[in-house]
Amino acid sequence: MKGTIKKRGKDTWSVIVDYPRDYQTGKRNQKWYTIKGNKREADRYLRELLNNGDKGIVLKNTKITVAEWLREWLNDYASFEISPVTLESYKSNVEKHIIPALGGYYLSQLEAKHIREFYAQELKNGKVNKSGGLSARTVMYHHRIISKALKQAVLLDMIARNVADLIKPPRISKKTMNTMSPLEVDRFLDVARETDYFVFFATLLYTGLRRGELLALRWRNLNLPAGKLTVVETAYKLDNGEYLLKEPKTASSRRSVTLPASLVELFKAYRADQELLRIQLGVGLELNDFVFIRPDGTPINPNAVTLAFKRILKRAGLKGYRVHDLRHTHATLMLMAGVHPKIVSERLGHASISITLDTYSHVLPSMQEEAAEKFDGIFDAGENENSEQFVSKMLAKNEDLRCRPYRSRTCDTLIKSQVLYQLS
């Protein structure tokens, strides 16, 4: 197998490779590739083609640009694998950021250094209005898009390798959690009480639901006698105005949340208002209806919720919070109140308790101090008794914790642990 390069024009080269003849027809198998750049880059591309040819990989003869491939990938491949909301986000980022920087390269010509320079520029001055740099999280998102598109191109033998794999994207720094204090929660709710969004925001604070989960809530998902709320859908609104409902991303997000008694009473009063409104509209309230609606019965626009939230913050003299921070506030206050992290994790719909502990690690130091104080209190309670005497007395009061006659030293240790746990 051999190859050569020929100059075609300014900064344009033809790379010609003679692959083994077709074993069935015996015809010559020669492919021409076009690359922009200098002679050194053309030579490097030829070596890469010959090396792949030795491995049995024959790249397709294509002059497709990065811009053309990204659009083709989004429409013909990604659209079948991701949700409409994610697809819309991908398209927006591709058109506004990736294509303006990398779209002019031929797909076969794209190198790791091009992507690395793109990331550096994004961090420095990547905002669309050129007012500053993008966050590391946004650049990581662009890296994910580029990597997925190039991975598909490799599978189709359009390129030999995914050059995005050669780049380490910027590290995402952990975001400081922004949560309201109990006093701020009171101020926020006092102002919200004078608006049509009071029950909505109170529910976010009392349950830790996401905005989209609450917008998708229907009356059939509320069991007020039992004080339960079930999350089965989440709502999105696309840029084209389409209102989209879909199942939660994970099985753990599909969950049942217990409501405080005060919130149950709020919902009862709110439902009575809804029924009165429906009578005025000449229609009955159905179980399939959304709980939070506009006057005409249609679902609330998520953007309207955000605008209402900002107005309430301003009137309450608060700033720096997002709607999603009400969810963080719920979790933080529950952990500070001593609720077990596993329960908090289940209420939030996290896939595992480790996510909860990692997200709200800022609460743990105070919990550690409280645990240490409780441990000291266990032995203080014994006063003149030593720890062995104290545990023995507790064992006598807890017959159900006793081991069988053949109990071992390990069993004794486990029993003591259970006693200490009960006391805490």
Protein backbone atom coordinates (compact mmCIF):
# COMPACT_ATOMS: atom_id res chain seq x y z
CA MET A 1 0.00 0.00 0.00
CA LYS A 2 1.39 3.40 -0.96
CA GLY A 3 0.37 7.02 -1.20
CA THR A 4 1.38 10.45 -2.34
CA ILE A 5 0.41 14.11 -2.02
CA LYS A 6 -0.20 16.76 -4.69
CA LYS A 7 -0.57 20.49 -4.31
CA ARG A 8 -3.92 21.72 -5.64
CA GLY A 9 -3.96 25.39 -4.71
CA LYS A 10 -2.99 27.79 -1.99
CA ASP A 11 -2.94 25.82 1.29
CA THR A 12 -4.87 22.94 -0.34
CA TRP A 13 -3.49 19.44 -0.96
CA SER A 14 -4.72 16.19 -2.45
CA VAL A 15 -3.71 13.10 -0.51
CA ILE A 16 -3.87 9.96 -2.71
CA VAL A 17 -3.77 6.45 -1.28
CA ASP A 18 -3.62 3.20 -3.26
CA TYR A 19 -5.40 0.60 -1.18
CA PRO A 20 -5.25 -3.12 -2.01
CA ARG A 21 -7.21 -4.05 -5.13
CA ASP A 22 -10.80 -5.26 -4.76
CA TYR A 23 -10.43 -9.00 -4.20
CA GLN A 24 -13.62 -9.78 -6.16
CA THR A 25 -13.25 -7.55 -9.22
CA GLY A 26 -9.50 -6.97 -9.19
CA LYS A 27 -10.09 -3.26 -9.82
CA ARG A 28 -7.72 -0.63 -8.55
CA ASN A 29 -8.81 0.90 -5.21
CA GLN A 30 -7.45 4.44 -5.14
CA LYS A 31 -8.92 7.17 -2.96
CA TRP A 32 -8.30 10.90 -3.00
CA TYR A 33 -8.59 13.07 0.10
CA THR A 34 -8.45 16.86 0.36
CA ILE A 35 -6.78 18.69 3.22
CA LYS A 36 -6.12 22.36 3.91
CA GLY A 37 -2.83 23.47 5.42
CA ASN A 38 0.87 23.19 4.68
CA LYS A 39 2.88 20.32 3.22
CA ARG A 40 3.85 19.03 6.68
CA GLU A 41 0.18 18.66 7.65
CA ALA A 42 -0.55 16.87 4.36
CA ASP A 43 2.35 14.45 4.97
CA ARG A 44 1.11 13.75 8.48
CA TYR A 45 -2.39 13.02 7.20
CA LEU A 46 -0.97 10.65 4.56
CA ARG A 47 0.96 8.72 7.21
CA GLU A 48 -2.21 8.46 9.30
CA LEU A 49 -4.16 7.10 6.31
CA LEU A 50 -1.47 4.53 5.51
CA ASN A 51 -1.27 3.46 9.14
CA ASN A 52 -5.04 2.96 9.29
CA GLY A 53 -4.95 1.12 5.97
CA ASP A 54 -2.48 -1.37 7.46
CA LYS A 55 -5.07 -1.97 10.20
CA GLY A 56 -7.80 -2.56 7.63
CA ILE A 57 -9.45 0.82 8.16
CA VAL A 58 -10.32 2.64 4.94
CA LEU A 59 -11.66 6.13 5.54
CA LYS A 60 -14.45 7.37 3.34
CA ASN A 61 -13.52 9.87 0.67
CA THR A 62 -15.37 12.94 1.93
CA LYS A 63 -14.81 16.69 1.98
CA ILE A 64 -17.38 17.34 4.68
CA THR A 65 -16.62 20.22 7.03
CA VAL A 66 -17.00 20.18 10.79
CA ALA A 67 -20.03 22.50 10.46
CA GLU A 68 -21.70 20.21 7.91
CA TRP A 69 -21.03 17.12 9.99
CA LEU A 70 -22.29 18.64 13.26
CA ARG A 71 -25.59 19.60 11.65
CA GLU A 72 -25.91 16.19 9.99
CA TRP A 73 -25.09 14.43 13.26
CA LEU A 74 -27.67 16.46 15.21
CA ASN A 75 -30.45 15.79 12.70
CA ASP A 76 -29.69 12.18 11.71
CA TYR A 77 -28.14 10.64 14.82
CA ALA A 78 -28.40 12.68 18.03
CA SER A 79 -32.09 13.43 17.49
CA PHE A 80 -32.88 9.72 17.96
CA GLU A 81 -30.81 9.32 21.12
CA ILE A 82 -31.54 12.39 23.25
CA SER A 83 -34.65 14.23 24.41
CA PRO A 84 -36.07 17.19 22.43
CA VAL A 85 -35.01 19.53 25.23
CA THR A 86 -31.41 18.31 25.13
CA LEU A 87 -31.40 18.38 21.32
CA GLU A 88 -32.53 22.00 21.36
CA SER A 89 -29.74 22.84 23.78
CA TYR A 90 -27.16 21.00 21.63
CA LYS A 91 -28.26 22.87 18.49
CA SER A 92 -28.09 26.23 20.22
CA ASN A 93 -24.56 25.63 21.51
CA VAL A 94 -23.38 24.20 18.19
CA GLU A 95 -24.63 27.18 16.18
CA LYS A 96 -23.62 29.91 18.65
CA HIS A 97 -20.25 28.60 19.81
CA ILE A 98 -18.78 25.51 18.16
CA ILE A 99 -19.43 26.16 14.46
CA PRO A 100 -18.19 29.79 14.50
CA ALA A 101 -14.86 28.56 15.90
CA LEU A 102 -14.35 25.11 14.33
CA GLY A 103 -16.93 24.80 11.55
CA GLY A 104 -14.59 25.85 8.73
CA TYR A 105 -12.19 22.92 9.14
CA TYR A 106 -12.62 19.76 7.11
CA LEU A 107 -13.67 16.97 9.47
CA SER A 108 -10.59 14.95 8.46
CA GLN A 109 -8.39 17.98 9.18
CA LEU A 110 -9.60 18.75 12.70
CA GLU A 111 -6.81 18.30 15.25
CA ALA A 112 -6.61 18.26 19.01
CA LYS A 113 -4.78 21.59 19.04
CA HIS A 114 -7.70 23.26 17.24
CA ILE A 115 -10.12 22.11 19.93
CA ARG A 116 -7.71 23.00 22.73
CA GLU A 117 -7.30 26.55 21.34
CA PHE A 118 -11.09 26.80 21.08
CA TYR A 119 -11.53 25.90 24.75
CA ALA A 120 -8.90 28.42 25.81
CA GLN A 121 -10.65 31.15 23.85
CA GLU A 122 -14.03 30.18 25.33
CA LEU A 123 -12.69 30.49 28.86
CA LYS A 124 -11.16 33.87 28.03
CA ASN A 125 -13.80 35.56 25.89
CA GLY A 126 -16.39 32.99 24.82
CA LYS A 127 -19.67 34.75 25.55
CA VAL A 128 -21.76 35.51 22.48
CA ASN A 129 -21.69 39.25 23.21
CA LYS A 130 -17.93 39.06 23.90
CA SER A 131 -18.44 40.44 27.40
CA GLY A 132 -16.27 37.82 29.06
CA GLY A 133 -15.41 34.15 29.30
CA LEU A 134 -17.63 31.11 29.66
CA SER A 135 -17.61 28.93 32.76
CA ALA A 136 -15.66 25.69 32.91
CA ARG A 137 -18.99 23.87 33.16
CA THR A 138 -20.17 25.33 29.83
CA VAL A 139 -16.86 24.48 28.14
CA MET A 140 -17.20 20.93 29.48
CA TYR A 141 -20.67 20.81 27.91
CA HIS A 142 -19.22 21.85 24.54
CA HIS A 143 -16.53 19.19 24.94
CA ARG A 144 -19.21 16.56 25.47
CA ILE A 145 -21.02 17.62 22.27
CA ILE A 146 -17.85 17.63 20.16
CA SER A 147 -16.72 14.28 21.54
CA LYS A 148 -20.07 12.60 20.82
CA ALA A 149 -20.16 13.94 17.25
CA LEU A 150 -16.59 12.81 16.51
CA LYS A 151 -17.24 9.41 18.08
CA GLN A 152 -20.07 8.85 15.58
CA ALA A 153 -17.79 9.96 12.74
CA VAL A 154 -15.22 7.34 13.80
CA LEU A 155 -17.89 4.63 13.79
CA LEU A 156 -18.78 5.61 10.22
CA ASP A 157 -15.11 5.50 9.11
CA MET A 158 -15.18 9.20 8.29
CA ILE A 159 -12.16 9.89 10.52
CA ALA A 160 -9.54 7.62 12.02
CA ARG A 161 -9.81 8.70 15.64
CA ASN A 162 -11.66 10.99 18.01
CA VAL A 163 -9.19 13.81 18.61
CA ALA A 164 -11.38 15.16 21.44
CA ASP A 165 -10.23 12.16 23.48
CA LEU A 166 -6.70 13.61 23.44
CA ILE A 167 -7.82 16.74 25.33
CA LYS A 168 -8.50 17.14 29.01
CA PRO A 169 -11.33 19.68 29.38
CA PRO A 170 -11.14 22.32 32.13
CA ARG A 171 -11.87 21.16 35.64
CA ILE A 172 -15.23 22.23 37.01
CA SER A 173 -14.85 23.93 40.37
CA LYS A 174 -17.40 22.98 42.97
CA LYS A 175 -20.13 25.58 43.19
CA THR A 176 -20.84 27.19 46.55
CA MET A 177 -24.32 26.22 47.69
CA ASN A 178 -26.70 29.17 47.92
CA THR A 179 -29.45 28.59 50.46
CA MET A 180 -31.84 30.80 52.40
CA SER A 181 -31.69 31.05 56.15
CA PRO A 182 -34.89 30.38 58.15
CA LEU A 183 -35.36 34.15 58.57
CA GLU A 184 -34.97 34.70 54.83
CA VAL A 185 -37.47 31.93 54.13
CA ASP A 186 -39.99 33.72 56.35
CA ARG A 187 -39.39 37.03 54.55
CA PHE A 188 -39.70 35.35 51.16
CA LEU A 189 -42.96 33.58 52.02
CA ASP A 190 -44.46 36.71 53.61
CA VAL A 191 -44.09 38.52 50.28
CA ALA A 192 -45.06 35.47 48.20
CA ARG A 193 -48.30 35.16 50.21
CA GLU A 194 -49.55 38.31 48.48
CA THR A 195 -49.10 36.79 45.00
CA ASP A 196 -50.71 34.04 42.93
CA TYR A 197 -47.52 31.97 43.28
CA PHE A 198 -47.55 31.49 47.05
CA VAL A 199 -48.63 27.84 47.06
CA PHE A 200 -46.21 27.05 44.23
CA PHE A 201 -43.13 28.45 45.98
CA ALA A 202 -44.22 27.13 49.39
CA THR A 203 -44.41 23.65 47.83
CA LEU A 204 -40.89 23.96 46.41
CA LEU A 205 -39.60 24.93 49.85
CA TYR A 206 -41.55 22.26 51.75
CA THR A 207 -40.84 19.35 49.37
CA GLY A 208 -37.58 20.04 47.53
CA LEU A 209 -39.19 19.35 44.14
CA ARG A 210 -37.66 20.73 40.95
CA ARG A 211 -39.52 23.50 39.13
CA GLY A 212 -40.37 21.25 36.16
CA GLU A 213 -41.63 18.46 38.44
CA LEU A 214 -44.05 20.81 40.17
CA LEU A 215 -45.26 22.36 36.92
CA ALA A 216 -46.13 18.87 35.66
CA LEU A 217 -48.06 17.98 38.83
CA ARG A 218 -51.68 16.94 38.23
CA TRP A 219 -54.47 16.61 40.78
CA ARG A 220 -54.38 12.83 40.36
CA ASN A 221 -50.81 12.92 41.71
CA LEU A 222 -51.95 14.54 44.97
CA ASN A 223 -53.40 12.40 47.76
CA LEU A 224 -54.36 15.03 50.30
CA PRO A 225 -56.04 12.66 52.83
CA ALA A 226 -52.80 10.65 52.97
CA GLY A 227 -50.61 13.77 52.74
CA LYS A 228 -48.69 12.41 49.75
CA LEU A 229 -47.46 13.87 46.46
CA THR A 230 -46.22 11.63 43.63
CA VAL A 231 -43.73 12.78 40.99
CA VAL A 232 -44.34 11.01 37.67
CA GLU A 233 -43.60 13.70 35.06
CA THR A 234 -41.50 16.78 34.51
CA ALA A 235 -42.35 19.78 32.30
CA TYR A 236 -40.26 21.74 29.80
CA LYS A 237 -41.04 24.54 27.39
CA LEU A 238 -39.05 24.61 24.14
CA ASP A 239 -37.96 27.79 22.40
CA ASN A 240 -40.63 27.24 19.75
CA GLY A 241 -43.32 27.52 22.45
CA GLU A 242 -44.09 23.79 22.60
CA TYR A 243 -44.91 22.54 26.11
CA LEU A 244 -43.27 19.17 26.65
CA LEU A 245 -43.98 16.58 29.37
CA LYS A 246 -41.70 13.61 29.90
CA GLU A 247 -40.90 10.99 32.50
CA PRO A 248 -38.15 11.82 35.01
CA LYS A 249 -34.61 10.95 33.90
CA THR A 250 -34.02 8.29 36.56
CA ALA A 251 -36.13 5.76 38.41
CA SER A 252 -35.31 7.45 41.73
CA SER A 253 -36.73 10.75 40.43
CA ARG A 254 -40.12 9.02 40.11
CA ARG A 255 -41.02 9.14 43.78
CA SER A 256 -43.57 9.79 46.50
CA VAL A 257 -43.04 12.74 48.86
CA THR A 258 -44.77 13.16 52.22
CA LEU A 259 -46.30 16.61 52.72
CA PRO A 260 -46.22 18.58 55.99
CA ALA A 261 -49.67 19.11 57.52
CA SER A 262 -49.48 22.87 56.90
CA LEU A 263 -48.87 22.29 53.19
CA VAL A 264 -51.81 19.87 52.99
CA GLU A 265 -54.07 22.61 54.38
CA LEU A 266 -52.70 25.05 51.82
CA PHE A 267 -53.49 22.63 49.00
CA LYS A 268 -57.05 22.11 50.29
CA ALA A 269 -57.70 25.86 50.23
CA TYR A 270 -56.00 26.15 46.84
CA ARG A 271 -58.13 23.36 45.40
CA ALA A 272 -61.29 25.10 46.61
CA ASP A 273 -60.16 28.24 44.76
CA GLN A 274 -59.46 26.16 41.63
CA GLU A 275 -62.92 24.61 41.74
CA LEU A 276 -64.51 28.06 42.04
CA LEU A 277 -62.45 29.29 39.08
CA ARG A 278 -63.54 26.31 36.98
CA ILE A 279 -67.19 26.97 37.82
CA GLN A 280 -66.73 30.52 36.53
CA LEU A 281 -65.16 29.12 33.35
CA GLY A 282 -68.02 26.66 32.97
CA VAL A 283 -65.86 23.52 33.24
CA GLY A 284 -65.31 21.03 36.03
CA LEU A 285 -62.02 20.28 37.78
CA GLU A 286 -60.69 16.94 36.52
CA LEU A 287 -58.09 14.68 38.10
CA ASN A 288 -56.01 14.94 34.92
CA ASP A 289 -55.82 18.74 35.18
CA PHE A 290 -52.59 20.45 36.15
CA VAL A 291 -52.46 21.79 39.69
CA PHE A 292 -50.77 25.05 38.74
CA ILE A 293 -52.37 26.71 35.74
CA ARG A 294 -52.96 30.02 34.02
CA PRO A 295 -56.48 31.58 34.22
CA ASP A 296 -57.42 29.90 30.93
CA GLY A 297 -56.51 26.45 32.31
CA THR A 298 -53.23 26.01 30.40
CA PRO A 299 -49.97 25.12 32.19
CA ILE A 300 -47.85 27.91 33.63
CA ASN A 301 -44.86 28.99 31.55
CA PRO A 302 -41.61 28.11 33.40
CA ASN A 303 -40.23 31.54 32.51
CA ALA A 304 -43.23 33.17 34.18
CA VAL A 305 -42.36 31.33 37.39
CA THR A 306 -38.79 32.62 37.23
CA LEU A 307 -39.94 36.22 36.66
CA ALA A 308 -42.41 36.00 39.57
CA PHE A 309 -39.64 34.61 41.78
CA LYS A 310 -37.35 37.56 40.95
CA ARG A 311 -40.10 40.07 41.72
CA ILE A 312 -40.74 38.44 45.10
CA LEU A 313 -37.02 38.45 45.93
CA LYS A 314 -36.78 42.14 45.13
CA ARG A 315 -39.77 43.04 47.31
CA ALA A 316 -38.40 40.88 50.14
CA GLY A 317 -35.00 42.59 49.96
CA LEU A 318 -33.25 39.37 48.96
CA LYS A 319 -30.87 38.80 46.08
CA GLY A 320 -28.55 36.20 44.58
CA TYR A 321 -31.03 33.30 44.66
CA ARG A 322 -32.46 31.15 41.85
CA VAL A 323 -35.69 29.16 41.86
CA HIS A 324 -33.59 25.99 42.13
CA ASP A 325 -32.08 27.31 45.36
CA LEU A 326 -35.42 26.67 47.08
CA ARG A 327 -34.70 22.97 46.55
CA HIS A 328 -31.25 23.40 48.07
CA THR A 329 -32.76 25.33 50.97
CA HIS A 330 -35.22 22.49 51.68
CA ALA A 331 -32.44 19.90 51.77
CA THR A 332 -30.07 22.01 53.87
CA LEU A 333 -32.67 22.90 56.50
CA MET A 334 -33.78 19.27 56.79
CA LEU A 335 -30.21 18.05 57.30
CA MET A 336 -29.55 20.78 59.86
CA ALA A 337 -32.72 19.69 61.68
CA GLY A 338 -31.25 16.20 62.03
CA VAL A 339 -33.21 14.39 59.31
CA HIS A 340 -31.27 11.35 58.11
CA PRO A 341 -29.47 11.99 54.76
CA LYS A 342 -31.10 8.88 53.29
CA ILE A 343 -34.56 10.39 53.82
CA VAL A 344 -33.44 13.70 52.33
CA SER A 345 -31.99 11.83 49.34
CA GLU A 346 -35.30 10.04 48.74
CA ARG A 347 -37.28 13.29 48.95
CA LEU A 348 -35.00 14.96 46.43
CA GLY A 349 -35.05 11.98 44.06
CA HIS A 350 -31.28 11.54 43.99
CA ALA A 351 -29.97 8.34 42.44
CA SER A 352 -27.93 7.57 45.56
CA ILE A 353 -27.26 8.96 49.02
CA SER A 354 -23.68 9.72 47.97
CA ILE A 355 -24.98 12.45 45.63
CA THR A 356 -26.85 14.04 48.54
CA LEU A 357 -23.85 13.87 50.85
CA ASP A 358 -21.54 15.30 48.20
CA THR A 359 -23.94 18.10 47.22
CA TYR A 360 -24.67 19.16 50.78
CA SER A 361 -21.28 18.47 52.35
CA HIS A 362 -21.29 22.05 53.68
CA VAL A 363 -23.90 20.96 56.25
CA LEU A 364 -21.90 17.98 57.51
CA PRO A 365 -19.32 19.78 59.73
CA SER A 366 -22.03 21.05 62.10
CA MET A 367 -23.63 17.59 62.08
CA GLN A 368 -20.28 16.04 63.00
CA GLU A 369 -19.93 18.39 65.97
CA GLU A 370 -23.46 17.54 67.12
CA ALA A 371 -22.72 13.81 66.81
CA ALA A 372 -19.58 14.20 68.94
CA GLU A 373 -21.58 16.03 71.62
CA LYS A 374 -24.22 13.28 71.60
CA PHE A 375 -21.54 10.66 72.03
CA ASP A 376 -20.18 12.48 75.07
CA GLY A 377 -23.71 12.75 76.42
CA ILE A 378 -24.13 8.99 76.31
CA PHE A 379 -21.44 8.46 78.90
CA ASP A 380 -22.34 11.55 80.90
CA ALA A 381 -25.77 9.98 81.36
CA GLY A 382 -24.13 7.09 83.16
CA GLU A 383 -22.63 9.52 85.74
CA ASN A 384 -20.83 7.25 88.25
CA GLU A 385 -21.09 4.18 86.06
CA ASN A 386 -18.35 3.23 83.66
CA SER A 387 -19.25 2.64 80.00
CA GLU A 388 -19.43 -1.17 80.37
CA GLN A 389 -21.87 -0.90 83.30
CA PHE A 390 -23.96 1.64 81.43
CA VAL A 391 -24.24 -0.47 78.25
CA SER A 392 -25.06 -3.57 80.32
CA LYS A 393 -27.94 -1.71 81.98
CA MET A 394 -29.24 -0.63 78.58
CA LEU A 395 -29.02 -4.21 77.31
CA ALA A 396 -31.18 -5.32 80.20
CA LYS A 397 -33.85 -2.87 79.06
CA ASN A 398 -33.63 -4.03 75.44
CA GLU A 399 -34.45 -7.73 75.42
CA ASP A 400 -35.00 -7.68 71.66
CA LEU A 401 -31.34 -6.77 71.11
CA ARG A 402 -29.96 -9.74 73.01
CA CYS A 403 -28.18 -12.49 71.11
CA ARG A 404 -28.87 -16.19 71.51
CA PRO A 405 -27.09 -18.23 74.21
CA TYR A 406 -24.30 -18.95 71.72
CA ARG A 407 -23.57 -15.26 71.16
CA SER A 408 -19.99 -14.37 70.30
CA ARG A 409 -17.72 -11.43 71.07
CA THR A 410 -18.62 -10.00 67.64
CA CYS A 411 -22.28 -10.20 68.56
CA ASP A 412 -21.63 -8.30 71.80
CA THR A 413 -19.91 -5.54 69.82
CA LEU A 414 -22.83 -5.26 67.42
CA ILE A 415 -25.30 -5.07 70.33
CA LYS A 416 -23.39 -2.22 71.91
CA SER A 417 -23.39 -0.39 68.58
CA GLN A 418 -27.15 -0.75 68.33
CA VAL A 419 -27.65 0.57 71.85
CA LEU A 420 -25.49 3.59 71.14
CA TYR A 421 -27.39 4.17 67.88
CA GLN A 422 -30.72 4.09 69.69
CA LEU A 423 -29.48 6.60 72.22
CA SER A 424 -28.32 8.99 69.50
